[in-house]
Amino acid sequence: MDPGKTERQSTVKSGIALVLLLVAVIAVAVVIALNPAVLESIAMVVIVVLLFIAVVAVLIAIFAGLITIPMYMKKGVEVQTGYSYDLDDVKEVEGSMENKKD
């Protein structure tokens, strides 16, 4: 791709689409203002859909939690034997504190 070769593309189509979207939003707002029952029914549908999504998310989380337990039990844990993991046994690495700012 040559950075010196550029061409300007028209944005008329996207501008018309934005104007049509604006008109549609205004039309929906007018319909809702003239008929409040529409707003109530839309709100009820939105609430039901959100509750459904929440229930599905909770079920997926429970399923994922339940499936990880046997996987964890089967996998086990790898540890090095013959070493102490006590924090009192930790030693400073030589030269690690040379560039420390006070």
Protein backbone atom coordinates (compact mmCIF):
# COMPACT_ATOMS: atom_id res chain seq x y z
CA MET A 1 0.00 0.00 0.00
CA ASP A 2 1.50 3.26 -1.15
CA PRO A 3 0.89 6.08 1.37
CA GLY A 4 1.19 8.64 -1.41
CA LYS A 5 -1.80 7.19 -3.31
CA THR A 6 -4.97 8.17 -1.53
CA GLU A 7 -8.45 8.84 -2.75
CA ARG A 8 -11.41 10.43 -1.09
CA GLN A 9 -14.50 8.25 -0.90
CA SER A 10 -18.02 9.62 -0.70
CA THR A 11 -19.85 9.59 2.61
CA VAL A 12 -23.24 10.55 1.13
CA LYS A 13 -24.72 7.06 1.63
CA SER A 14 -23.74 6.89 5.28
CA GLY A 15 -25.00 10.46 5.80
CA ILE A 16 -28.39 9.53 4.33
CA ALA A 17 -28.47 6.44 6.56
CA LEU A 18 -27.80 8.61 9.63
CA VAL A 19 -30.60 11.01 8.67
CA LEU A 20 -33.00 8.07 8.20
CA LEU A 21 -31.95 6.67 11.57
CA LEU A 22 -32.60 10.05 13.20
CA VAL A 23 -36.06 10.22 11.58
CA ALA A 24 -36.83 6.69 12.81
CA VAL A 25 -35.78 7.55 16.37
CA ILE A 26 -37.95 10.67 16.33
CA ALA A 27 -40.89 8.66 14.94
CA VAL A 28 -40.54 6.06 17.70
CA ALA A 29 -40.37 8.82 20.32
CA VAL A 30 -43.57 10.41 18.92
CA VAL A 31 -45.40 7.06 18.91
CA ILE A 32 -44.38 6.42 22.50
CA ALA A 33 -45.39 9.96 23.55
CA LEU A 34 -48.81 9.62 21.91
CA ASN A 35 -49.47 6.10 23.20
CA PRO A 36 -47.97 5.39 26.66
CA ALA A 37 -49.25 1.78 26.57
CA VAL A 38 -46.63 1.07 23.90
CA LEU A 39 -43.90 2.19 26.29
CA GLU A 40 -45.31 -0.05 29.00
CA SER A 41 -45.38 -3.09 26.73
CA ILE A 42 -41.86 -2.37 25.43
CA ALA A 43 -40.59 -1.98 29.00
CA MET A 44 -42.19 -5.29 29.96
CA VAL A 45 -40.54 -7.08 27.03
CA VAL A 46 -37.17 -5.55 27.91
CA ILE A 47 -37.52 -6.64 31.55
CA VAL A 48 -38.45 -10.20 30.55
CA VAL A 49 -35.52 -10.44 28.12
CA LEU A 50 -33.07 -9.09 30.72
CA LEU A 51 -34.36 -11.56 33.33
CA PHE A 52 -33.98 -14.40 30.84
CA ILE A 53 -30.40 -13.35 30.07
CA ALA A 54 -29.63 -13.13 33.82
CA VAL A 55 -31.06 -16.61 34.47
CA VAL A 56 -29.06 -18.09 31.58
CA ALA A 57 -25.88 -16.39 32.84
CA VAL A 58 -26.42 -17.78 36.36
CA LEU A 59 -27.07 -21.27 35.00
CA ILE A 60 -23.89 -21.12 32.89
CA ALA A 61 -21.89 -19.94 35.92
CA ILE A 62 -23.27 -22.77 38.07
CA PHE A 63 -22.57 -25.33 35.34
CA ALA A 64 -19.02 -24.02 34.87
CA GLY A 65 -18.44 -24.14 38.61
CA LEU A 66 -19.73 -27.69 38.88
CA ILE A 67 -17.69 -28.95 35.94
CA THR A 68 -14.45 -27.46 37.28
CA ILE A 69 -14.57 -29.40 40.55
CA PRO A 70 -14.00 -32.87 39.00
CA MET A 71 -11.42 -31.39 36.64
CA TYR A 72 -9.55 -29.92 39.62
CA MET A 73 -9.79 -33.21 41.51
CA LYS A 74 -8.42 -35.22 38.58
CA LYS A 75 -5.61 -32.82 37.71
CA GLY A 76 -3.97 -32.67 41.15
CA VAL A 77 -1.22 -30.26 42.12
CA GLU A 78 2.47 -30.41 41.20
CA VAL A 79 4.90 -29.34 43.89
CA GLN A 80 8.65 -29.64 44.29
CA THR A 81 9.58 -32.05 47.02
CA GLY A 82 12.41 -31.50 49.45
CA TYR A 83 12.01 -27.71 49.47
CA SER A 84 10.62 -25.46 52.17
CA TYR A 85 7.96 -22.98 51.13
CA ASP A 86 8.23 -20.98 54.36
CA LEU A 87 8.58 -17.23 53.77
CA ASP A 88 11.31 -17.04 56.43
CA ASP A 89 13.54 -19.13 54.15
CA VAL A 90 13.33 -16.62 51.26
CA LYS A 91 16.70 -15.04 50.49
CA GLU A 92 17.40 -11.76 48.74
CA VAL A 93 18.79 -12.00 45.22
CA GLU A 94 22.21 -10.41 45.02
CA GLY A 95 22.14 -7.04 43.27
CA SER A 96 18.35 -6.76 43.33
CA MET A 97 18.35 -3.83 45.77
CA GLU A 98 21.15 -1.80 44.12
CA ASN A 99 18.88 0.35 41.94
CA LYS A 100 16.10 0.74 44.48
CA LYS A 101 14.98 4.34 44.93
CA ASP A 102 14.41 5.55 48.48
